[in-house]
Amino acid sequence: MRIDRNNMKFALALILAAIVLQACASSQIRVGFVGGQSGSQMEYTFTRFDGLEKKSLPLSQGEVLIVDYIIELEGGSITIQLVNPDQRVVWQETFSEDAASEAEILLELDGIYQLSVIGENARGGFHLAWTAE
């Protein structure tokens, strides 16, 4: 069986295009992204952040989750959100300038919640700390 070189090149081009499109669809941009997560806090500084940073939290119905945050932005925006085990956003705040405060969220379900920070062309940093009572 003889393989036509043009068909082989076309097939390879299609495979490469599919890989590139998949990479673009799930891409995150992190330039100068420094920091980490430890215990019940996360802290990062960055030159540019387009993407998602999240933490899974096992929580119980009736608890109150207290999220303390400090946002320092030179541009772009940061969204902090809490998603419940049913994949519903139960709390969300978006920031386009510096902010420091705390949120208290009454939890209505048992299970694994996702605390997420979403950057959109963000430049600056953030610090989150949380406790459940």
Foldseek 3Di string as FASTA:
>chain_A
DDDDPVVVVVVVVVVVVVVVVVCVVQDWDFAQWDWADDDFKTKTAGQWTAFKDKDKDFDAAFKKKKKWKWDAWPAFKKKKFKADPVRHTQDMDMDGHTDTDMDIGHHHHGGIMMTMMGTDRTHTMMMMGMDID
